[in-house]
């Protein structure tokens, strides 16, 4: 899905697949670290695989989380950061495509984003 968007490069960052536009990461695999798992305490962490996706800003983050509570979530590590986490086994394909595209739009240069939206 991410690779279908214009001028996307796929590479690894921190050992995880990451998708970039204009050298900015807009989506990446995000397994939980040991510290993340400790923060869940007795609560069971969401099942993987997990994808992190950028959003325009923190207001958009709250809107996305409210719109998709079954598959989209955040963790303390992402507090104050304009990105959401997506539990891939639970997300609807249309919601995933929209999130990835919106992440790309949040990171793409304005001219490229405008060309995509006009096309």
Protein backbone atom coordinates (compact mmCIF):
# COMPACT_ATOMS: atom_id res chain seq x y z
CA UNK A 1 0.00 0.00 0.00
CA UNK A 2 2.67 2.49 1.01
CA UNK A 3 4.86 1.63 -1.96
CA UNK A 4 2.01 2.49 -4.35
CA UNK A 5 2.18 6.16 -3.37
CA UNK A 6 4.39 8.56 -5.39
CA UNK A 7 8.11 8.85 -4.66
CA UNK A 8 8.11 6.35 -1.80
CA UNK A 9 11.31 4.64 -0.75
CA UNK A 10 11.34 1.57 1.46
CA UNK A 11 14.28 0.94 3.74
CA UNK A 12 15.09 -0.27 7.24
CA UNK A 13 15.32 1.93 10.29
CA UNK A 14 16.14 0.43 13.68
CA UNK A 15 15.84 -2.99 12.03
CA UNK A 16 12.23 -2.44 10.91
CA UNK A 17 10.76 -1.82 7.47
CA UNK A 18 10.07 1.87 7.03
CA UNK A 19 8.45 3.82 4.20
CA UNK A 20 9.72 7.32 3.38
CA UNK A 21 8.69 10.22 1.19
CA UNK A 22 11.23 13.04 0.72
CA UNK A 23 13.42 11.25 3.31
CA UNK A 24 10.68 11.54 5.96
CA UNK A 25 9.30 8.37 7.51
CA UNK A 26 5.53 8.19 7.25
CA UNK A 27 4.92 4.52 8.11
CA UNK A 28 7.00 1.86 9.81
CA UNK A 29 6.76 -1.53 11.46
CA UNK A 30 6.67 -0.97 15.22
CA UNK A 31 7.17 -4.04 17.39
CA UNK A 32 6.98 -3.40 21.11
CA UNK A 33 10.22 -2.91 23.00
CA UNK A 34 10.79 -4.51 26.40
CA UNK A 35 10.05 -1.12 27.98
CA UNK A 36 6.77 -0.88 26.04
CA UNK A 37 5.75 -4.34 27.24
CA UNK A 38 6.55 -3.45 30.87
CA UNK A 39 4.28 -0.38 30.59
CA UNK A 40 1.33 -2.64 29.74
CA UNK A 41 1.72 -4.24 33.18
CA UNK A 42 -1.00 -6.85 33.69
CA UNK A 43 -2.88 -5.66 30.60
CA UNK A 44 -2.36 -7.78 27.48
CA UNK A 45 -0.61 -5.78 24.72
CA UNK A 46 -2.28 -5.63 21.30
CA UNK A 47 -1.38 -8.49 18.99
CA UNK A 48 1.04 -7.79 16.18
CA UNK A 49 2.07 -6.99 13.69
CA UNK A 50 1.84 -3.29 14.50
CA UNK A 51 2.29 -0.45 12.03
CA UNK A 52 3.06 3.12 13.10
CA UNK A 53 1.77 5.88 10.83
CA UNK A 54 2.32 9.62 10.97
CA UNK A 55 -0.64 11.99 11.22
CA UNK A 56 -0.82 15.70 10.46
CA UNK A 57 -0.83 16.88 14.09
CA UNK A 58 -1.94 15.94 17.59
CA UNK A 59 -5.52 17.03 16.90
CA UNK A 60 -5.65 14.66 13.94
CA UNK A 61 -4.17 11.94 16.14
CA UNK A 62 -7.02 12.28 18.63
CA UNK A 63 -9.60 12.25 15.82
CA UNK A 64 -8.11 9.12 14.24
CA UNK A 65 -7.95 7.30 17.58
CA UNK A 66 -11.58 8.19 18.30
CA UNK A 67 -12.74 7.10 14.82
CA UNK A 68 -11.05 3.67 14.93
CA UNK A 69 -10.85 2.49 18.57
CA UNK A 70 -10.79 -1.21 17.65
CA UNK A 71 -7.58 -1.13 15.61
CA UNK A 72 -5.84 2.22 16.23
CA UNK A 73 -4.13 3.03 19.52
CA UNK A 74 -1.19 4.78 21.10
CA UNK A 75 1.31 4.07 23.87
CA UNK A 76 3.12 6.36 26.32
CA UNK A 77 6.22 6.39 24.08
CA UNK A 78 4.10 8.20 21.45
CA UNK A 79 2.70 10.86 23.84
CA UNK A 80 3.13 14.25 22.21
CA UNK A 81 4.13 12.68 18.89
CA UNK A 82 1.95 12.98 15.78
CA UNK A 83 1.63 9.27 14.98
CA UNK A 84 -0.72 6.40 15.73
CA UNK A 85 -0.23 2.67 16.02
CA UNK A 86 -2.37 0.24 14.05
CA UNK A 87 -3.06 -3.35 14.98
CA UNK A 88 -2.92 -4.84 11.48
CA UNK A 89 -4.98 -8.00 12.16
CA UNK A 90 -7.91 -5.82 13.30
CA UNK A 91 -7.88 -2.89 10.85
CA UNK A 92 -10.28 -2.69 7.91
CA UNK A 93 -8.45 -2.43 4.57
CA UNK A 94 -10.08 0.93 3.74
CA UNK A 95 -9.11 2.41 7.12
CA UNK A 96 -5.54 1.18 6.69
CA UNK A 97 -5.29 2.63 3.18
CA UNK A 98 -6.67 5.97 4.40
CA UNK A 99 -4.22 6.08 7.34
CA UNK A 100 -1.20 5.27 5.17
CA UNK A 101 -2.24 7.82 2.56
CA UNK A 102 -2.84 10.48 5.22
CA UNK A 103 0.57 9.70 6.73
CA UNK A 104 2.15 10.12 3.30
CA UNK A 105 0.30 13.43 2.82
CA UNK A 106 1.53 14.64 6.22
CA UNK A 107 5.15 14.07 5.17
CA UNK A 108 5.16 14.68 1.41
CA UNK A 109 6.40 18.01 0.04
CA UNK A 110 3.42 20.33 -0.54
CA UNK A 111 3.80 20.35 -4.33
CA UNK A 112 3.89 16.53 -4.53
CA UNK A 113 0.90 16.25 -2.17
CA UNK A 114 -1.07 18.75 -4.28
CA UNK A 115 -0.24 16.83 -7.47
CA UNK A 116 -1.43 13.60 -5.88
CA UNK A 117 -4.66 15.14 -4.62
CA UNK A 118 -5.33 16.74 -8.03
CA UNK A 119 -4.59 13.52 -9.92
